[in-house]
Amino acid sequence: LAKQIKQEVQQEVEEWVASGNKRPHLSVVLVGENSTSHSSVLHKTRATADVGINRETIVKPASISEEELLNLINKLNNDDNVDGLLVQLPLPELEEWEVLKSKELGVASN
């Protein structure tokens, strides 16, 4: 079933692009060195690549300030090239709730 769904999504993405639309783009923000989070993000970005969605992973150190992270999220939210935004949880040493309140944000946890 998963393979069938993946093929259907890939076909829909290709039809979308063939009809003159830009290829969808997902930005993933990963903070810190949590190996489980890194593995999870790798799987997510591979899955998006498999269906033809452009993607980028932005890795920030655990020492990033809440203000810097919120500024990055705001910048990505306002980037016309970004169609989807995901912040991988957990966020080390940050108030996750403040980040979660950012508009138009997808959140994933391990």
C-alpha atoms as a PDB file:
ATOM      1  CA  LEU A   1       0.000   0.000   0.000  1.00  0.00           C
ATOM      2  CA  ALA A   2       2.800   2.423   0.881  1.00  0.00           C
ATOM      3  CA  LYS A   3       4.481   1.806  -2.468  1.00  0.00           C
ATOM      4  CA  GLN A   4       1.203   2.480  -4.276  1.00  0.00           C
ATOM      5  CA  ILE A   5       0.657   5.737  -2.381  1.00  0.00           C
ATOM      6  CA  LYS A   6       4.226   6.829  -3.106  1.00  0.00           C
ATOM      7  CA  GLN A   7       3.709   6.148  -6.829  1.00  0.00           C
ATOM      8  CA  GLU A   8       0.430   8.089  -6.831  1.00  0.00           C
ATOM      9  CA  VAL A   9       2.027  11.085  -5.111  1.00  0.00           C
ATOM     10  CA  GLN A  10       4.979  10.984  -7.505  1.00  0.00           C
ATOM     11  CA  GLN A  11       2.588  10.944 -10.468  1.00  0.00           C
ATOM     12  CA  GLU A  12       0.600  13.871  -9.042  1.00  0.00           C
ATOM     13  CA  VAL A  13       3.786  15.879  -8.480  1.00  0.00           C
ATOM     14  CA  GLU A  14       4.960  15.230 -12.039  1.00  0.00           C
ATOM     15  CA  GLU A  15       1.540  16.184 -13.446  1.00  0.00           C
ATOM     16  CA  TRP A  16       1.608  19.355 -11.350  1.00  0.00           C
ATOM     17  CA  VAL A  17       5.031  20.302 -12.715  1.00  0.00           C
ATOM     18  CA  ALA A  18       4.125  19.299 -16.296  1.00  0.00           C
ATOM     19  CA  SER A  19       1.141  21.642 -16.182  1.00  0.00           C
ATOM     20  CA  GLY A  20       3.481  24.597 -15.636  1.00  0.00           C
ATOM     21  CA  ASN A  21       3.644  24.789 -11.853  1.00  0.00           C
ATOM     22  CA  LYS A  22       6.888  24.912  -9.937  1.00  0.00           C
ATOM     23  CA  ARG A  23       8.153  21.758  -8.267  1.00  0.00           C
ATOM     24  CA  PRO A  24       7.151  21.703  -4.558  1.00  0.00           C
ATOM     25  CA  HIS A  25       9.924  22.474  -2.075  1.00  0.00           C
ATOM     26  CA  LEU A  26      10.204  21.322   1.552  1.00  0.00           C
ATOM     27  CA  SER A  27      12.598  22.955   4.023  1.00  0.00           C
ATOM     28  CA  VAL A  28      13.490  20.959   7.124  1.00  0.00           C
ATOM     29  CA  VAL A  29      15.138  22.604  10.133  1.00  0.00           C
ATOM     30  CA  LEU A  30      17.202  20.343  12.363  1.00  0.00           C
ATOM     31  CA  VAL A  31      18.715  21.696  15.581  1.00  0.00           C
ATOM     32  CA  GLY A  32      21.448  19.921  17.484  1.00  0.00           C
ATOM     33  CA  GLU A  33      23.161  16.574  17.221  1.00  0.00           C
ATOM     34  CA  ASN A  34      20.423  14.145  18.279  1.00  0.00           C
ATOM     35  CA  SER A  35      21.215  11.038  16.207  1.00  0.00           C
ATOM     36  CA  THR A  36      17.598   9.877  16.210  1.00  0.00           C
ATOM     37  CA  SER A  37      16.484  13.245  14.862  1.00  0.00           C
ATOM     38  CA  HIS A  38      19.151  13.155  12.165  1.00  0.00           C
ATOM     39  CA  SER A  39      18.032   9.681  11.111  1.00  0.00           C
ATOM     40  CA  SER A  40      14.380  10.709  11.099  1.00  0.00           C
ATOM     41  CA  VAL A  41      15.091  13.763   8.941  1.00  0.00           C
ATOM     42  CA  LEU A  42      17.139  11.657   6.533  1.00  0.00           C
ATOM     43  CA  HIS A  43      14.192   9.293   6.060  1.00  0.00           C
ATOM     44  CA  LYS A  44      11.779  12.187   5.519  1.00  0.00           C
ATOM     45  CA  THR A  45      13.981  13.913   2.973  1.00  0.00           C
ATOM     46  CA  ARG A  46      14.583  10.661   1.091  1.00  0.00           C
ATOM     47  CA  ALA A  47      10.828  10.100   0.939  1.00  0.00           C
ATOM     48  CA  THR A  48      10.251  13.573  -0.493  1.00  0.00           C
ATOM     49  CA  ALA A  49      13.009  13.035  -3.062  1.00  0.00           C
ATOM     50  CA  ASP A  50      11.435   9.715  -4.047  1.00  0.00           C
ATOM     51  CA  VAL A  51       8.204  11.481  -5.037  1.00  0.00           C
ATOM     52  CA  GLY A  52       9.904  14.365  -6.830  1.00  0.00           C
ATOM     53  CA  ILE A  53       9.699  17.075  -4.190  1.00  0.00           C
ATOM     54  CA  ASN A  54      12.694  19.364  -3.844  1.00  0.00           C
ATOM     55  CA  ARG A  55      14.049  19.535  -0.317  1.00  0.00           C
ATOM     56  CA  GLU A  56      16.696  21.084   1.831  1.00  0.00           C
ATOM     57  CA  THR A  57      17.825  20.353   5.345  1.00  0.00           C
ATOM     58  CA  ILE A  58      19.052  23.299   7.364  1.00  0.00           C
ATOM     59  CA  VAL A  59      21.165  22.103  10.289  1.00  0.00           C
ATOM     60  CA  LYS A  60      21.749  24.480  13.174  1.00  0.00           C
ATOM     61  CA  PRO A  61      23.854  23.939  16.296  1.00  0.00           C
ATOM     62  CA  ALA A  62      22.217  23.188  19.643  1.00  0.00           C
ATOM     63  CA  SER A  63      23.535  26.556  20.797  1.00  0.00           C
ATOM     64  CA  ILE A  64      21.220  28.497  18.443  1.00  0.00           C
ATOM     65  CA  SER A  65      19.177  31.079  20.308  1.00  0.00           C
ATOM     66  CA  GLU A  66      15.405  31.031  20.265  1.00  0.00           C
ATOM     67  CA  GLU A  67      15.454  34.421  18.523  1.00  0.00           C
ATOM     68  CA  GLU A  68      17.766  33.128  15.769  1.00  0.00           C
ATOM     69  CA  LEU A  69      15.590  30.076  15.212  1.00  0.00           C
ATOM     70  CA  LEU A  70      12.392  32.127  15.098  1.00  0.00           C
ATOM     71  CA  ASN A  71      14.040  34.510  12.617  1.00  0.00           C
ATOM     72  CA  LEU A  72      15.017  31.560  10.422  1.00  0.00           C
ATOM     73  CA  ILE A  73      11.477  30.169  10.552  1.00  0.00           C
ATOM     74  CA  ASN A  74      10.056  33.589   9.689  1.00  0.00           C
ATOM     75  CA  LYS A  75      12.465  33.909   6.760  1.00  0.00           C
ATOM     76  CA  LEU A  76      11.465  30.487   5.443  1.00  0.00           C
ATOM     77  CA  ASN A  77       7.758  31.236   5.946  1.00  0.00           C
ATOM     78  CA  ASN A  78       8.171  34.316   3.758  1.00  0.00           C
ATOM     79  CA  ASP A  79      10.266  32.603   1.066  1.00  0.00           C
ATOM     80  CA  ASP A  80       8.136  32.066  -2.047  1.00  0.00           C
ATOM     81  CA  ASN A  81      10.332  29.115  -3.019  1.00  0.00           C
ATOM     82  CA  VAL A  82       9.410  27.190   0.162  1.00  0.00           C
ATOM     83  CA  ASP A  83       6.097  25.341   0.033  1.00  0.00           C
ATOM     84  CA  GLY A  84       6.457  23.337   3.227  1.00  0.00           C
ATOM     85  CA  LEU A  85       8.400  23.866   6.436  1.00  0.00           C
ATOM     86  CA  LEU A  86       9.143  21.258   9.054  1.00  0.00           C
ATOM     87  CA  VAL A  87      11.022  21.718  12.331  1.00  0.00           C
ATOM     88  CA  GLN A  88      12.299  18.476  13.813  1.00  0.00           C
ATOM     89  CA  LEU A  89      11.738  17.997  17.534  1.00  0.00           C
ATOM     90  CA  PRO A  90      13.145  17.896  20.125  1.00  0.00           C
ATOM     91  CA  LEU A  91      14.730  21.317  20.183  1.00  0.00           C
ATOM     92  CA  PRO A  92      17.618  21.243  22.653  1.00  0.00           C
ATOM     93  CA  GLU A  93      17.579  23.958  25.281  1.00  0.00           C
ATOM     94  CA  LEU A  94      14.801  25.954  23.582  1.00  0.00           C
ATOM     95  CA  GLU A  95      11.240  26.725  24.530  1.00  0.00           C
ATOM     96  CA  GLU A  96       9.516  24.502  21.981  1.00  0.00           C
ATOM     97  CA  TRP A  97       6.155  26.145  22.583  1.00  0.00           C
ATOM     98  CA  GLU A  98       7.412  29.516  21.313  1.00  0.00           C
ATOM     99  CA  VAL A  99       8.699  27.857  18.165  1.00  0.00           C
ATOM    100  CA  LEU A 100       5.511  25.831  17.727  1.00  0.00           C
ATOM    101  CA  LYS A 101       3.437  29.009  17.759  1.00  0.00           C
ATOM    102  CA  SER A 102       5.159  30.116  14.532  1.00  0.00           C
ATOM    103  CA  LYS A 103       2.617  30.254  11.758  1.00  0.00           C
ATOM    104  CA  GLU A 104       2.545  27.781   8.890  1.00  0.00           C
ATOM    105  CA  LEU A 105       4.879  25.353  10.595  1.00  0.00           C
ATOM    106  CA  GLY A 106       4.914  21.593  10.393  1.00  0.00           C
ATOM    107  CA  VAL A 107       6.494  19.807  13.328  1.00  0.00           C
ATOM    108  CA  ALA A 108       7.857  16.307  13.515  1.00  0.00           C
ATOM    109  CA  SER A 109       9.177  14.365  16.444  1.00  0.00           C
ATOM    110  CA  ASN A 110      11.233  11.203  16.571  1.00  0.00           C
END
